[in-house]
Amino acid sequence: MIIKRAYHRMQTAEGQIIEGPLVVELDEDGTFVSYHLLQQEEAATEWVGGTFFSS
């Protein structure tokens, strides 16, 4: 199962800032899987806002 959450921006493990809005996809354990820019409202996506910090 993939969990989708939307944020204003993401900071990568290397410190790079990616401006959004974007959708971060996590697996059921909360492990980062991928991200993509939010183009329109997406079903089953929780809006969190703020910054996602990937590790």
PDB file of N, CA and C in Angstrom:
ATOM      1  N   MET A   1       0.837  -1.179   0.000  1.00  0.00           N
ATOM      2  CA  MET A   1       0.000   0.000   0.000  1.00  0.00           C
ATOM      3  C   MET A   1       0.882   1.242   0.000  1.00  0.00           C
ATOM      4  N   ILE A   2       0.558   2.204  -0.839  1.00  0.00           N
ATOM      5  CA  ILE A   2       1.302   3.453  -0.920  1.00  0.00           C
ATOM      6  C   ILE A   2       0.498   4.547  -0.218  1.00  0.00           C
ATOM      7  N   ILE A   3       1.163   5.323   0.621  1.00  0.00           N
ATOM      8  CA  ILE A   3       0.566   6.462   1.306  1.00  0.00           C
ATOM      9  C   ILE A   3       1.008   7.715   0.562  1.00  0.00           C
ATOM     10  N   LYS A   4       0.056   8.581   0.213  1.00  0.00           N
ATOM     11  CA  LYS A   4       0.378   9.807  -0.519  1.00  0.00           C
ATOM     12  C   LYS A   4       0.054  11.015   0.348  1.00  0.00           C
ATOM     13  N   ARG A   5       1.056  11.907   0.493  1.00  0.00           N
ATOM     14  CA  ARG A   5       0.887  13.130   1.263  1.00  0.00           C
ATOM     15  C   ARG A   5       1.428  14.303   0.459  1.00  0.00           C
ATOM     16  N   ALA A   6       0.727  15.426   0.524  1.00  0.00           N
ATOM     17  CA  ALA A   6       1.123  16.610  -0.246  1.00  0.00           C
ATOM     18  C   ALA A   6       1.796  17.633   0.668  1.00  0.00           C
ATOM     19  N   TYR A   7       2.865  18.251   0.154  1.00  0.00           N
ATOM     20  CA  TYR A   7       3.648  19.242   0.892  1.00  0.00           C
ATOM     21  C   TYR A   7       3.928  20.448   0.000  1.00  0.00           C
ATOM     22  N   HIS A   8       4.294  21.562   0.631  1.00  0.00           N
ATOM     23  CA  HIS A   8       4.684  22.755  -0.128  1.00  0.00           C
ATOM     24  C   HIS A   8       6.053  22.580  -0.783  1.00  0.00           C
ATOM     25  N   ARG A   9       6.942  21.843  -0.115  1.00  0.00           N
ATOM     26  CA  ARG A   9       8.307  21.649  -0.623  1.00  0.00           C
ATOM     27  C   ARG A   9       8.899  20.404   0.021  1.00  0.00           C
ATOM     28  N   MET A  10      10.046  19.971  -0.505  1.00  0.00           N
ATOM     29  CA  MET A  10      10.759  18.820   0.045  1.00  0.00           C
ATOM     30  C   MET A  10      12.243  19.154   0.133  1.00  0.00           C
ATOM     31  N   GLN A  11      12.869  18.734   1.230  1.00  0.00           N
ATOM     32  CA  GLN A  11      14.320  18.846   1.356  1.00  0.00           C
ATOM     33  C   GLN A  11      14.897  17.449   1.262  1.00  0.00           C
ATOM     34  N   THR A  12      15.792  17.250   0.290  1.00  0.00           N
ATOM     35  CA  THR A  12      16.391  15.933   0.092  1.00  0.00           C
ATOM     36  C   THR A  12      17.447  15.674   1.164  1.00  0.00           C
ATOM     37  N   ALA A  13      17.904  14.438   1.229  1.00  0.00           N
ATOM     38  CA  ALA A  13      18.951  14.067   2.188  1.00  0.00           C
ATOM     39  C   ALA A  13      20.237  14.860   1.945  1.00  0.00           C
ATOM     40  N   GLU A  14      20.429  15.323   0.706  1.00  0.00           N
ATOM     41  CA  GLU A  14      21.622  16.102   0.353  1.00  0.00           C
ATOM     42  C   GLU A  14      21.435  17.584   0.639  1.00  0.00           C
ATOM     43  N   GLY A  15      20.252  17.983   1.097  1.00  0.00           N
ATOM     44  CA  GLY A  15      19.987  19.373   1.435  1.00  0.00           C
ATOM     45  C   GLY A  15      19.361  20.194   0.332  1.00  0.00           C
ATOM     46  N   GLN A  16      19.101  19.609  -0.824  1.00  0.00           N
ATOM     47  CA  GLN A  16      18.471  20.325  -1.932  1.00  0.00           C
ATOM     48  C   GLN A  16      16.998  20.575  -1.610  1.00  0.00           C
ATOM     49  N   ILE A  17      16.521  21.776  -1.899  1.00  0.00           N
ATOM     50  CA  ILE A  17      15.112  22.120  -1.698  1.00  0.00           C
ATOM     51  C   ILE A  17      14.386  22.003  -3.037  1.00  0.00           C
ATOM     52  N   ILE A  18      13.301  21.249  -3.063  1.00  0.00           N
ATOM     53  CA  ILE A  18      12.464  21.102  -4.251  1.00  0.00           C
ATOM     54  C   ILE A  18      11.136  21.761  -3.922  1.00  0.00           C
ATOM     55  N   GLU A  19      10.822  22.833  -4.653  1.00  0.00           N
ATOM     56  CA  GLU A  19       9.580  23.560  -4.423  1.00  0.00           C
ATOM     57  C   GLU A  19       8.421  22.824  -5.074  1.00  0.00           C
ATOM     58  N   GLY A  20       7.292  22.874  -4.433  1.00  0.00           N
ATOM     59  CA  GLY A  20       6.107  22.202  -4.914  1.00  0.00           C
ATOM     60  C   GLY A  20       5.048  23.189  -5.328  1.00  0.00           C
ATOM     61  N   PRO A  21       3.818  22.818  -5.121  1.00  0.00           N
ATOM     62  CA  PRO A  21       3.382  21.711  -4.276  1.00  0.00           C
ATOM     63  C   PRO A  21       3.729  20.367  -4.899  1.00  0.00           C
ATOM     64  N   LEU A  22       3.960  19.377  -4.033  1.00  0.00           N
ATOM     65  CA  LEU A  22       4.314  18.058  -4.516  1.00  0.00           C
ATOM     66  C   LEU A  22       3.695  16.981  -3.656  1.00  0.00           C
ATOM     67  N   VAL A  23       3.604  15.805  -4.235  1.00  0.00           N
ATOM     68  CA  VAL A  23       3.070  14.633  -3.545  1.00  0.00           C
ATOM     69  C   VAL A  23       4.231  13.695  -3.249  1.00  0.00           C
ATOM     70  N   VAL A  24       4.369  13.323  -1.982  1.00  0.00           N
ATOM     71  CA  VAL A  24       5.387  12.370  -1.551  1.00  0.00           C
ATOM     72  C   VAL A  24       4.693  11.031  -1.355  1.00  0.00           C
ATOM     73  N   GLU A  25       5.270   9.982  -1.928  1.00  0.00           N
ATOM     74  CA  GLU A  25       4.712   8.636  -1.781  1.00  0.00           C
ATOM     75  C   GLU A  25       5.589   7.834  -0.827  1.00  0.00           C
ATOM     76  N   LEU A  26       4.950   7.231   0.162  1.00  0.00           N
ATOM     77  CA  LEU A  26       5.629   6.438   1.190  1.00  0.00           C
ATOM     78  C   LEU A  26       5.037   5.034   1.194  1.00  0.00           C
ATOM     79  N   ASP A  27       5.858   4.037   1.563  1.00  0.00           N
ATOM     80  CA  ASP A  27       5.288   2.691   1.704  1.00  0.00           C
ATOM     81  C   ASP A  27       4.627   2.578   3.069  1.00  0.00           C
ATOM     82  N   GLU A  28       4.055   1.427   3.367  1.00  0.00           N
ATOM     83  CA  GLU A  28       3.312   1.248   4.617  1.00  0.00           C
ATOM     84  C   GLU A  28       4.178   1.393   5.862  1.00  0.00           C
ATOM     85  N   ASP A  29       5.500   1.300   5.715  1.00  0.00           N
ATOM     86  CA  ASP A  29       6.414   1.490   6.845  1.00  0.00           C
ATOM     87  C   ASP A  29       6.861   2.934   6.986  1.00  0.00           C
ATOM     88  N   GLY A  30       6.381   3.815   6.089  1.00  0.00           N
ATOM     89  CA  GLY A  30       6.766   5.216   6.128  1.00  0.00           C
ATOM     90  C   GLY A  30       8.064   5.510   5.409  1.00  0.00           C
ATOM     91  N   THR A  31       8.558   4.559   4.618  1.00  0.00           N
ATOM     92  CA  THR A  31       9.794   4.730   3.860  1.00  0.00           C
ATOM     93  C   THR A  31       9.507   5.470   2.561  1.00  0.00           C
ATOM     94  N   PHE A  32      10.314   6.499   2.274  1.00  0.00           N
ATOM     95  CA  PHE A  32      10.168   7.296   1.062  1.00  0.00           C
ATOM     96  C   PHE A  32      10.295   6.404  -0.164  1.00  0.00           C
ATOM     97  N   VAL A  33       9.332   6.535  -1.091  1.00  0.00           N
ATOM     98  CA  VAL A  33       9.344   5.766  -2.331  1.00  0.00           C
ATOM     99  C   VAL A  33       9.633   6.692  -3.514  1.00  0.00           C
ATOM    100  N   SER A  34       8.857   7.783  -3.627  1.00  0.00           N
ATOM    101  CA  SER A  34       9.026   8.705  -4.745  1.00  0.00           C
ATOM    102  C   SER A  34       8.265   9.991  -4.461  1.00  0.00           C
ATOM    103  N   TYR A  35       8.377  10.938  -5.407  1.00  0.00           N
ATOM    104  CA  TYR A  35       7.596  12.160  -5.332  1.00  0.00           C
ATOM    105  C   TYR A  35       7.283  12.622  -6.753  1.00  0.00           C
ATOM    106  N   HIS A  36       6.280  13.474  -6.868  1.00  0.00           N
ATOM    107  CA  HIS A  36       5.965  14.123  -8.139  1.00  0.00           C
ATOM    108  C   HIS A  36       5.260  15.430  -7.840  1.00  0.00           C
ATOM    109  N   LEU A  37       5.316  16.355  -8.787  1.00  0.00           N
ATOM    110  CA  LEU A  37       4.646  17.638  -8.614  1.00  0.00           C
ATOM    111  C   LEU A  37       3.137  17.437  -8.630  1.00  0.00           C
ATOM    112  N   LEU A  38       2.477  18.173  -7.790  1.00  0.00           N
ATOM    113  CA  LEU A  38       1.015  18.115  -7.708  1.00  0.00           C
ATOM    114  C   LEU A  38       0.444  19.012  -8.799  1.00  0.00           C
ATOM    115  N   GLN A  39      -0.207  18.410  -9.783  1.00  0.00           N
ATOM    116  CA  GLN A  39      -0.772  19.138 -10.915  1.00  0.00           C
ATOM    117  C   GLN A  39      -2.244  19.491 -10.693  1.00  0.00           C
ATOM    118  N   GLN A  40      -2.934  18.630  -9.971  1.00  0.00           N
ATOM    119  CA  GLN A  40      -4.356  18.812  -9.674  1.00  0.00           C
ATOM    120  C   GLN A  40      -4.678  17.985  -8.449  1.00  0.00           C
ATOM    121  N   GLU A  41      -5.862  18.153  -7.925  1.00  0.00           N
ATOM    122  CA  GLU A  41      -6.267  17.385  -6.754  1.00  0.00           C
ATOM    123  C   GLU A  41      -6.169  15.899  -7.066  1.00  0.00           C
ATOM    124  N   GLU A  42      -5.613  15.129  -6.122  1.00  0.00           N
ATOM    125  CA  GLU A  42      -5.458  13.685  -6.308  1.00  0.00           C
ATOM    126  C   GLU A  42      -6.219  12.935  -5.219  1.00  0.00           C
ATOM    127  N   ALA A  43      -6.932  11.916  -5.633  1.00  0.00           N
ATOM    128  CA  ALA A  43      -7.674  11.091  -4.683  1.00  0.00           C
ATOM    129  C   ALA A  43      -6.710  10.416  -3.707  1.00  0.00           C
ATOM    130  N   ALA A  44      -7.166  10.229  -2.485  1.00  0.00           N
ATOM    131  CA  ALA A  44      -6.417   9.513  -1.441  1.00  0.00           C
ATOM    132  C   ALA A  44      -5.081  10.172  -1.116  1.00  0.00           C
ATOM    133  N   THR A  45      -5.014  11.509  -1.251  1.00  0.00           N
ATOM    134  CA  THR A  45      -3.806  12.248  -0.906  1.00  0.00           C
ATOM    135  C   THR A  45      -4.119  13.182   0.253  1.00  0.00           C
ATOM    136  N   GLU A  46      -3.359  13.048   1.334  1.00  0.00           N
ATOM    137  CA  GLU A  46      -3.542  13.888   2.517  1.00  0.00           C
ATOM    138  C   GLU A  46      -2.684  15.141   2.373  1.00  0.00           C
ATOM    139  N   TRP A  47      -3.301  16.329   2.499  1.00  0.00           N
ATOM    140  CA  TRP A  47      -2.553  17.578   2.441  1.00  0.00           C
ATOM    141  C   TRP A  47      -1.948  17.834   3.810  1.00  0.00           C
ATOM    142  N   VAL A  48      -0.613  17.929   3.875  1.00  0.00           N
ATOM    143  CA  VAL A  48       0.096  18.188   5.117  1.00  0.00           C
ATOM    144  C   VAL A  48       0.608  19.615   5.126  1.00  0.00           C
ATOM    145  N   GLY A  49       1.140  20.076   3.983  1.00  0.00           N
ATOM    146  CA  GLY A  49       1.732  21.408   3.909  1.00  0.00           C
ATOM    147  C   GLY A  49       3.127  21.409   4.495  1.00  0.00           C
ATOM    148  N   GLY A  50       3.767  22.550   4.524  1.00  0.00           N
ATOM    149  CA  GLY A  50       5.103  22.653   5.088  1.00  0.00           C
ATOM    150  C   GLY A  50       6.140  21.949   4.244  1.00  0.00           C
ATOM    151  N   THR A  51       7.184  21.476   4.920  1.00  0.00           N
ATOM    152  CA  THR A  51       8.325  20.855   4.253  1.00  0.00           C
ATOM    153  C   THR A  51       8.449  19.390   4.646  1.00  0.00           C
ATOM    154  N   PHE A  52       8.636  18.529   3.653  1.00  0.00           N
ATOM    155  CA  PHE A  52       8.931  17.114   3.893  1.00  0.00           C
ATOM    156  C   PHE A  52      10.438  16.964   3.873  1.00  0.00           C
ATOM    157  N   PHE A  53      11.011  16.321   4.886  1.00  0.00           N
ATOM    158  CA  PHE A  53      12.454  16.084   4.967  1.00  0.00           C
ATOM    159  C   PHE A  53      12.711  14.616   4.669  1.00  0.00           C
ATOM    160  N   SER A  54      13.328  14.346   3.514  1.00  0.00           N
ATOM    161  CA  SER A  54      13.642  12.957   3.179  1.00  0.00           C
ATOM    162  C   SER A  54      14.992  12.598   3.809  1.00  0.00           C
ATOM    163  N   SER A  55      15.128  11.346   4.135  1.00  0.00           N
ATOM    164  CA  SER A  55      16.384  10.923   4.781  1.00  0.00           C
ATOM    165  C   SER A  55      17.102   9.890   3.942  1.00  0.00           C
TER     166      SER A  55
END
